[in-house]
Amino acid sequence: MNYIPAFTLSGGPPAPSLPPIPDSGNLPLGGPNNNVQPKVRPTSQVVPAVANYNLAFQYQWTRTMTMEMAYVGNVGRHGFVGDSPSYNVNPVNIVNYGVPGISQAQRQYFNGRFSNGICCSGGILGDYLGNDANSNYNSLQVKVTQNMNHGLQFIAFYTWSRALHYGDQNYYAISPAIAYGPWDQNRSQVFVTNMVWDLPFGKGKTFAGNASRAEDLVIGGWQITGTLNWSSGLPFTPSYGACNSDEDVGVCRPNKGNLAGWSMGGGSFDPINHWVPYFTPVSPVQPTGGGPWLRPVTGTLGDAGIFSLYGPRFFTANASVMKNFKMTERFALQFRMDAFNVFNHPVLGFNSNQGNTCIDCGGNAGKVTDIEADTTMRELQFALKLTF
């Protein structure tokens, strides 16, 4: 590896080159070349806070089974906008877009207001540590628990929730309402269950309790476990193809039309092109018409909400089959097979991070081209364990 020395010990480091100080005594916030991105914070910064609250009722159905129903919620104050601690406090305003003689820099509120006109255009003030966004979460949660009884135990959860926050940094400083909507990582409905079942066969069990040692080696010691997750899809924001001609502020959303004619859902797999249609793009949208989506008038932003559409549902199930062999008082052997995604059901990947969400584009718009990230098709795992 070749290293380039920064300086020699005998010569020492070079003297720093300081920028010239103007006659006004004001140094530009963006540096002498207006290309430095400074960290900016409000004069008084409030520490983020979360208030959690819940109310739960529990009912015992039987000696071994209980049900719990709860309202669970929280409110966040002074938090992040989107997923980053900072946002652009000096974005380009859509007002006067397309007006001859008015540049993007002239549509930035803080442009020319500091340092004798040297700041702030371009991306300067784009790293504002505001801590001024709020969030909220409300949910109904139901849990049913079956304690071990006749070899069977399980627990099942159902959650119906809504999580809202300010999820878009592009235009938040001008219009927070445009950034407000569902959290793109929250599934509004989630059902999860897991169970353990010691099969009632073999010596000392309900069936064939007097089995011989040879018979017990075949039919006894079996155990089945399983986990199932069935949830609604993740939200995404619709976009349209001609938005770069209508706006330049990074908010590419159509207007809502007659959505009664708009449908979404996983179709049949195309074995030639290897994709699954999730929605069929419409013809290029126009400002007027009777379709489900309309094109915003140039210089305006569409009214389709952020993360207002939802992707395919999530379904996966894992299972394990185990056989326990009691060899001697000291030694025991266990054989197990683990099946991940046992039904080999694909979780279609179409959300805010996967898929082309353009409602009137060609190509792969509206098509599912891969399974959801961090999921797999069926995988089998075998193991043999000796305990002593």
Protein backbone atom coordinates (compact mmCIF):
# COMPACT_ATOMS: atom_id res chain seq x y z
CA MET A 1 0.00 0.00 0.00
CA ASN A 2 1.34 3.45 -0.95
CA TYR A 3 1.01 6.19 1.63
CA ILE A 4 1.28 9.88 0.83
CA PRO A 5 2.79 11.82 3.75
CA ALA A 6 0.85 14.85 4.92
CA PHE A 7 4.02 16.45 6.27
CA THR A 8 7.44 15.57 7.67
CA LEU A 9 8.33 15.69 11.36
CA SER A 10 11.27 17.94 10.65
CA GLY A 11 9.22 20.41 8.62
CA GLY A 12 6.06 20.19 10.71
CA PRO A 13 2.50 20.65 9.45
CA PRO A 14 1.80 23.47 6.99
CA ALA A 15 0.40 26.70 8.36
CA PRO A 16 -3.40 26.90 8.12
CA SER A 17 -4.80 29.04 5.34
CA LEU A 18 -7.36 31.38 6.83
CA PRO A 19 -10.07 32.94 4.65
CA PRO A 20 -9.93 36.70 4.24
CA ILE A 21 -12.19 38.60 6.58
CA PRO A 22 -14.42 41.09 4.73
CA ASP A 23 -14.58 44.72 5.78
CA SER A 24 -17.99 44.11 7.41
CA GLY A 25 -16.40 41.59 9.76
CA ASN A 26 -19.05 39.01 8.87
CA LEU A 27 -17.88 35.56 7.80
CA PRO A 28 -20.23 33.74 5.41
CA LEU A 29 -22.19 30.94 7.06
CA GLY A 30 -21.47 28.65 4.15
CA GLY A 31 -17.74 29.29 4.14
CA PRO A 32 -15.71 31.51 1.81
CA ASN A 33 -16.90 29.55 -1.24
CA ASN A 34 -20.45 29.07 0.07
CA ASN A 35 -20.02 25.29 -0.11
CA VAL A 36 -19.85 24.25 3.55
CA GLN A 37 -22.83 22.54 5.17
CA PRO A 38 -22.86 23.84 8.76
CA LYS A 39 -24.71 22.15 11.59
CA VAL A 40 -27.49 24.52 12.64
CA ARG A 41 -29.67 24.33 15.72
CA PRO A 42 -32.30 26.59 17.27
CA THR A 43 -31.29 29.04 19.99
CA SER A 44 -33.16 26.92 22.52
CA GLN A 45 -33.32 23.20 21.79
CA VAL A 46 -35.77 20.95 23.61
CA VAL A 47 -34.89 17.36 24.43
CA PRO A 48 -37.21 14.83 22.69
CA ALA A 49 -39.83 13.24 24.93
CA VAL A 50 -42.31 10.37 24.68
CA ALA A 51 -45.37 9.86 26.86
CA ASN A 52 -46.65 6.27 27.01
CA TYR A 53 -50.05 5.22 28.30
CA ASN A 54 -52.21 2.12 28.31
CA LEU A 55 -55.36 0.64 29.78
CA ALA A 56 -55.77 -3.14 29.94
CA PHE A 57 -58.43 -5.65 30.99
CA GLN A 58 -57.73 -9.30 31.67
CA TYR A 59 -60.24 -12.14 31.79
CA GLN A 60 -59.65 -15.76 32.73
CA TRP A 61 -61.70 -18.03 30.50
CA THR A 62 -60.59 -21.35 31.94
CA ARG A 63 -58.10 -22.61 34.49
CA THR A 64 -55.36 -22.47 31.85
CA MET A 65 -56.54 -19.84 29.37
CA THR A 66 -56.65 -16.05 29.71
CA MET A 67 -57.48 -13.15 27.45
CA GLU A 68 -56.14 -9.61 27.69
CA MET A 69 -57.46 -6.59 25.82
CA ALA A 70 -55.62 -3.28 25.97
CA TYR A 71 -55.48 0.20 24.53
CA VAL A 72 -51.82 1.18 24.07
CA GLY A 73 -50.65 4.54 22.84
CA ASN A 74 -47.92 7.13 22.99
CA VAL A 75 -47.25 10.71 21.99
CA GLY A 76 -43.85 11.95 20.89
CA ARG A 77 -42.82 15.59 21.15
CA HIS A 78 -39.76 17.44 19.83
CA GLY A 79 -38.63 14.51 17.69
CA PHE A 80 -37.06 14.00 14.29
CA VAL A 81 -38.59 14.79 10.93
CA GLY A 82 -38.47 11.54 9.00
CA ASP A 83 -35.63 9.21 9.90
CA SER A 84 -32.86 11.78 10.30
CA PRO A 85 -32.04 14.19 13.16
CA SER A 86 -31.76 17.09 10.72
CA TYR A 87 -33.74 18.57 7.84
CA ASN A 88 -33.50 21.39 5.33
CA VAL A 89 -34.82 24.55 6.95
CA ASN A 90 -34.31 26.53 3.74
CA PRO A 91 -36.06 24.51 1.00
CA VAL A 92 -37.18 25.83 -2.36
CA ASN A 93 -40.77 27.10 -2.28
CA ILE A 94 -43.21 26.00 -4.98
CA VAL A 95 -44.57 29.55 -5.17
CA ASN A 96 -43.45 31.34 -8.36
CA TYR A 97 -42.26 28.08 -9.92
CA GLY A 98 -41.92 28.54 -13.66
CA VAL A 99 -42.13 32.34 -13.49
CA PRO A 100 -39.55 33.80 -15.91
CA GLY A 101 -36.68 35.58 -14.22
CA ILE A 102 -37.20 33.96 -10.79
CA SER A 103 -34.56 31.38 -9.90
CA GLN A 104 -34.64 28.60 -7.34
CA ALA A 105 -32.35 30.62 -5.06
CA GLN A 106 -34.86 33.48 -5.10
CA ARG A 107 -37.54 31.05 -3.92
CA GLN A 108 -35.54 30.12 -0.81
CA TYR A 109 -36.69 32.18 2.16
CA PHE A 110 -33.29 32.70 3.78
CA ASN A 111 -31.41 33.46 0.58
CA GLY A 112 -29.61 36.81 0.94
CA ARG A 113 -30.80 37.45 4.49
CA PHE A 114 -27.47 36.89 6.27
CA SER A 115 -23.81 37.81 5.89
CA ASN A 116 -24.37 40.67 3.46
CA GLY A 117 -26.16 38.51 0.94
CA ILE A 118 -23.58 35.70 0.89
CA CYS A 119 -25.97 33.19 2.56
CA CYS A 120 -28.10 31.22 2.13
CA SER A 121 -28.72 29.62 -1.23
CA GLY A 122 -28.29 26.08 -2.50
CA GLY A 123 -28.15 23.50 0.27
CA ILE A 124 -26.89 25.77 3.04
CA LEU A 125 -29.10 25.41 6.13
CA GLY A 126 -29.89 21.90 4.97
CA ASP A 127 -28.60 20.36 8.22
CA TYR A 128 -30.93 21.96 10.75
CA LEU A 129 -31.20 20.03 14.04
CA GLY A 130 -34.70 21.23 14.81
CA ASN A 131 -36.14 18.55 17.10
CA ASP A 132 -39.56 20.07 16.43
CA ALA A 133 -41.68 17.26 14.99
CA ASN A 134 -44.42 15.36 16.80
CA SER A 135 -45.73 11.82 16.46
CA ASN A 136 -48.47 9.65 17.88
CA TYR A 137 -49.40 5.97 18.11
CA ASN A 138 -52.76 4.45 19.05
CA SER A 139 -53.61 0.77 19.08
CA LEU A 140 -56.01 -1.92 20.21
CA GLN A 141 -54.12 -5.02 21.34
CA VAL A 142 -55.61 -8.41 22.14
CA LYS A 143 -53.70 -11.35 23.60
CA VAL A 144 -54.93 -14.89 24.25
CA THR A 145 -52.70 -17.19 26.30
CA GLN A 146 -53.10 -20.93 26.70
CA ASN A 147 -50.79 -22.30 29.38
CA MET A 148 -49.55 -25.86 29.06
CA ASN A 149 -52.53 -28.20 29.16
CA HIS A 150 -52.49 -31.79 27.87
CA GLY A 151 -49.21 -31.00 26.16
CA LEU A 152 -50.44 -27.90 24.31
CA GLN A 153 -49.61 -24.27 24.91
CA PHE A 154 -49.95 -21.24 22.66
CA ILE A 155 -50.08 -17.46 22.71
CA ALA A 156 -51.81 -15.31 20.07
CA PHE A 157 -51.60 -11.55 19.54
CA TYR A 158 -53.69 -9.20 17.42
CA THR A 159 -52.87 -5.50 17.04
CA TRP A 160 -54.87 -2.86 15.21
CA SER A 161 -52.85 0.34 15.21
CA ARG A 162 -52.23 3.68 13.59
CA ALA A 163 -48.89 5.48 13.81
CA LEU A 164 -48.61 9.03 12.46
CA HIS A 165 -45.58 11.27 12.17
CA TYR A 166 -43.88 13.83 9.93
CA GLY A 167 -42.13 11.57 7.45
CA ASP A 168 -40.91 13.81 4.62
CA GLN A 169 -38.06 16.27 5.10
CA ASN A 170 -38.27 17.92 1.67
CA TYR A 171 -41.00 20.47 2.33
CA TYR A 172 -41.56 20.27 6.07
CA ALA A 173 -40.11 23.70 6.84
CA ILE A 174 -42.66 25.37 4.54
CA SER A 175 -45.74 23.18 5.01
CA PRO A 176 -45.60 20.57 7.78
CA ALA A 177 -49.01 19.21 6.75
CA ILE A 178 -47.54 17.88 3.48
CA ALA A 179 -45.09 15.75 5.49
CA TYR A 180 -47.66 14.36 7.95
CA GLY A 181 -49.00 10.86 7.50
CA PRO A 182 -48.66 7.18 8.44
CA TRP A 183 -45.31 5.82 9.51
CA ASP A 184 -43.95 3.78 6.63
CA GLN A 185 -42.70 0.97 8.91
CA ASN A 186 -45.95 0.35 10.78
CA ARG A 187 -48.34 -2.41 9.73
CA SER A 188 -51.83 -1.34 10.77
CA GLN A 189 -53.01 -4.89 11.45
CA VAL A 190 -50.82 -7.66 12.83
CA PHE A 191 -51.75 -11.19 13.91
CA VAL A 192 -49.00 -13.34 15.41
CA THR A 193 -49.30 -16.70 17.12
CA ASN A 194 -46.88 -19.34 18.32
CA MET A 195 -47.52 -22.72 19.85
CA VAL A 196 -45.81 -25.77 21.34
CA TRP A 197 -47.46 -29.19 21.22
CA ASP A 198 -46.10 -32.33 22.81
CA LEU A 199 -47.93 -35.03 20.87
CA PRO A 200 -49.94 -37.28 23.23
CA PHE A 201 -48.48 -40.54 21.99
CA GLY A 202 -46.07 -42.89 23.70
CA LYS A 203 -45.23 -44.19 27.14
CA GLY A 204 -47.02 -42.28 29.90
CA LYS A 205 -49.10 -40.20 27.40
CA THR A 206 -52.83 -40.19 26.67
CA PHE A 207 -52.56 -42.58 23.75
CA ALA A 208 -50.47 -45.76 23.82
CA GLY A 209 -49.45 -44.96 27.38
CA ASN A 210 -48.36 -48.55 28.00
CA ALA A 211 -46.24 -48.75 24.87
CA SER A 212 -43.13 -50.90 24.97
CA ARG A 213 -39.69 -49.37 24.73
CA ALA A 214 -39.47 -50.28 21.05
CA GLU A 215 -42.91 -48.82 20.31
CA ASP A 216 -42.10 -45.68 22.30
CA LEU A 217 -38.95 -45.15 20.24
CA VAL A 218 -41.19 -44.84 17.18
CA ILE A 219 -44.32 -43.04 18.37
CA GLY A 220 -43.21 -41.26 21.55
CA GLY A 221 -41.23 -38.09 22.20
CA TRP A 222 -42.58 -36.04 19.28
CA GLN A 223 -42.99 -32.29 19.63
CA ILE A 224 -44.25 -29.68 17.15
CA THR A 225 -43.71 -25.92 17.44
CA GLY A 226 -44.84 -23.19 15.10
CA THR A 227 -45.01 -19.43 14.59
CA LEU A 228 -47.35 -17.61 12.22
CA ASN A 229 -47.42 -13.94 11.21
CA TRP A 230 -50.25 -12.52 9.13
CA SER A 231 -50.12 -8.74 8.77
CA SER A 232 -51.28 -5.94 6.53
CA GLY A 233 -48.94 -4.25 4.06
CA LEU A 234 -46.55 -1.36 4.48
CA PRO A 235 -47.54 2.09 3.19
CA PHE A 236 -46.07 3.90 0.20
CA THR A 237 -46.54 7.26 -1.53
CA PRO A 238 -47.90 7.40 -5.11
CA SER A 239 -45.94 9.43 -7.65
CA TYR A 240 -46.51 10.34 -11.31
CA GLY A 241 -44.32 10.55 -14.38
CA ALA A 242 -44.47 14.25 -15.32
CA CYS A 243 -43.81 15.74 -11.90
CA ASN A 244 -40.40 17.11 -12.92
CA SER A 245 -42.24 19.39 -15.34
CA ASP A 246 -44.70 20.57 -12.67
CA GLU A 247 -42.50 21.12 -9.61
CA ASP A 248 -38.87 21.20 -8.48
CA VAL A 249 -39.22 20.90 -4.70
CA GLY A 250 -39.09 17.11 -4.36
CA VAL A 251 -42.79 16.50 -3.62
CA CYS A 252 -43.93 14.31 -6.51
CA ARG A 253 -47.55 13.38 -5.84
CA PRO A 254 -50.66 13.34 -8.05
CA ASN A 255 -54.07 14.70 -7.21
CA LYS A 256 -56.73 12.23 -6.14
CA GLY A 257 -59.55 11.69 -8.61
CA ASN A 258 -62.29 9.08 -8.62
CA LEU A 259 -60.48 6.36 -6.69
CA ALA A 260 -63.48 4.03 -6.93
CA GLY A 261 -61.98 2.68 -10.14
CA TRP A 262 -58.51 2.13 -8.68
CA SER A 263 -57.57 -1.29 -7.36
CA MET A 264 -54.43 -2.92 -6.00
CA GLY A 265 -53.55 -6.50 -5.21
CA GLY A 266 -51.07 -9.19 -6.12
CA GLY A 267 -51.86 -10.78 -9.48
CA SER A 268 -50.50 -13.89 -11.16
CA PHE A 269 -46.78 -14.45 -11.51
CA ASP A 270 -45.43 -13.80 -15.02
CA PRO A 271 -43.08 -16.75 -15.66
CA ILE A 272 -41.43 -15.02 -18.62
CA ASN A 273 -40.72 -11.56 -17.21
CA HIS A 274 -40.57 -12.75 -13.58
CA TRP A 275 -42.77 -10.17 -11.94
CA VAL A 276 -46.17 -9.96 -10.23
CA PRO A 277 -48.51 -7.02 -11.03
CA TYR A 278 -49.64 -5.12 -7.95
CA PHE A 279 -51.48 -2.34 -9.75
CA THR A 280 -52.01 -1.41 -13.38
CA PRO A 281 -50.66 2.06 -14.22
CA VAL A 282 -53.14 4.45 -15.78
CA SER A 283 -52.59 6.53 -18.90
CA PRO A 284 -50.45 9.66 -18.33
CA VAL A 285 -52.48 11.77 -15.93
CA GLN A 286 -54.02 15.07 -16.97
CA PRO A 287 -55.29 18.01 -14.86
CA THR A 288 -58.91 17.16 -15.73
CA GLY A 289 -60.82 13.98 -16.39
CA GLY A 290 -62.68 11.26 -14.58
CA GLY A 291 -59.83 8.90 -13.78
CA PRO A 292 -58.61 7.82 -10.35
CA TRP A 293 -55.62 10.18 -10.49
CA LEU A 294 -55.18 13.70 -11.86
CA ARG A 295 -52.17 15.79 -12.74
CA PRO A 296 -51.62 18.85 -10.54
CA VAL A 297 -51.58 22.22 -12.23
CA THR A 298 -48.01 23.33 -12.90
CA GLY A 299 -46.64 25.12 -9.87
CA THR A 300 -48.86 23.29 -7.38
CA LEU A 301 -48.44 20.13 -5.32
CA GLY A 302 -50.73 17.10 -5.53
CA ASP A 303 -53.12 16.27 -2.71
CA ALA A 304 -52.28 12.56 -2.49
CA GLY A 305 -51.08 12.07 1.07
CA ILE A 306 -47.68 10.81 2.04
CA PHE A 307 -47.68 7.02 2.59
CA SER A 308 -51.41 6.95 1.77
CA LEU A 309 -51.42 3.64 -0.18
CA TYR A 310 -50.61 0.20 1.21
CA GLY A 311 -48.56 -2.62 -0.23
CA PRO A 312 -49.18 -6.39 -0.19
CA ARG A 313 -49.96 -8.16 3.04
CA PHE A 314 -47.30 -10.11 4.93
CA PHE A 315 -47.77 -13.82 5.60
CA THR A 316 -45.16 -16.26 6.79
CA ALA A 317 -45.09 -19.37 8.98
CA ASN A 318 -42.22 -21.25 10.58
CA ALA A 319 -42.44 -24.74 12.05
CA SER A 320 -40.23 -27.24 13.84
CA VAL A 321 -40.62 -30.98 14.35
CA MET A 322 -38.57 -32.60 17.10
CA LYS A 323 -38.09 -36.22 18.19
CA ASN A 324 -36.61 -36.84 21.63
CA PHE A 325 -34.88 -40.14 22.41
CA LYS A 326 -34.21 -41.10 26.02
CA MET A 327 -31.12 -43.29 25.67
CA THR A 328 -29.99 -43.73 29.30
CA GLU A 329 -30.33 -41.84 32.54
CA ARG A 330 -27.47 -39.58 31.48
CA PHE A 331 -27.77 -39.40 27.72
CA ALA A 332 -30.59 -38.06 25.54
CA LEU A 333 -30.69 -37.46 21.81
CA GLN A 334 -32.86 -34.98 19.92
CA PHE A 335 -33.47 -34.83 16.19
CA ARG A 336 -35.14 -31.70 14.84
CA MET A 337 -36.15 -30.20 11.54
CA ASP A 338 -36.78 -26.46 11.28
CA ALA A 339 -38.76 -25.12 8.33
CA PHE A 340 -38.64 -21.37 7.70
CA ASN A 341 -41.55 -20.12 5.57
CA VAL A 342 -42.89 -23.65 5.67
CA PHE A 343 -45.67 -22.96 3.12
CA ASN A 344 -43.16 -21.37 0.70
CA HIS A 345 -45.39 -18.30 0.46
CA PRO A 346 -43.67 -15.29 -1.14
CA VAL A 347 -43.93 -11.99 0.72
CA LEU A 348 -44.28 -9.55 -2.17
CA GLY A 349 -41.91 -6.60 -1.84
CA PHE A 350 -43.76 -3.40 -2.65
CA ASN A 351 -43.53 -0.48 -0.21
CA SER A 352 -41.79 2.86 0.26
CA ASN A 353 -38.38 1.17 -0.06
CA GLN A 354 -39.17 -1.39 -2.75
CA GLY A 355 -41.00 -1.06 -6.04
CA ASN A 356 -41.80 1.64 -8.59
CA THR A 357 -44.79 3.53 -7.15
CA CYS A 358 -45.43 5.71 -10.22
CA ILE A 359 -49.14 5.47 -11.05
CA ASP A 360 -48.83 6.37 -14.76
CA CYS A 361 -45.36 5.20 -15.81
CA GLY A 362 -44.33 2.29 -17.99
CA GLY A 363 -41.56 -0.21 -17.37
CA ASN A 364 -41.76 -1.85 -13.97
CA ALA A 365 -44.21 0.65 -12.44
CA GLY A 366 -46.72 -1.15 -10.26
CA LYS A 367 -44.87 -4.44 -10.57
CA VAL A 368 -43.39 -6.59 -7.83
CA THR A 369 -39.95 -7.72 -8.96
CA ASP A 370 -38.65 -9.29 -5.73
CA ILE A 371 -39.76 -10.63 -2.39
CA GLU A 372 -39.71 -8.28 0.58
CA ALA A 373 -36.31 -7.49 2.06
CA ASP A 374 -35.27 -9.70 4.99
CA THR A 375 -37.67 -12.49 3.98
CA THR A 376 -36.85 -15.79 2.28
CA MET A 377 -38.55 -18.59 0.47
CA ARG A 378 -38.75 -21.95 2.23
CA GLU A 379 -35.59 -23.09 3.97
CA LEU A 380 -35.11 -26.40 5.80
CA GLN A 381 -32.61 -26.97 8.57
CA PHE A 382 -31.78 -30.28 10.21
CA ALA A 383 -29.98 -30.83 13.52
CA LEU A 384 -29.01 -33.61 15.86
CA LYS A 385 -28.27 -32.79 19.51
CA LEU A 386 -26.80 -35.00 22.19
CA THR A 387 -27.28 -33.97 25.83
CA PHE A 388 -25.64 -35.55 28.85
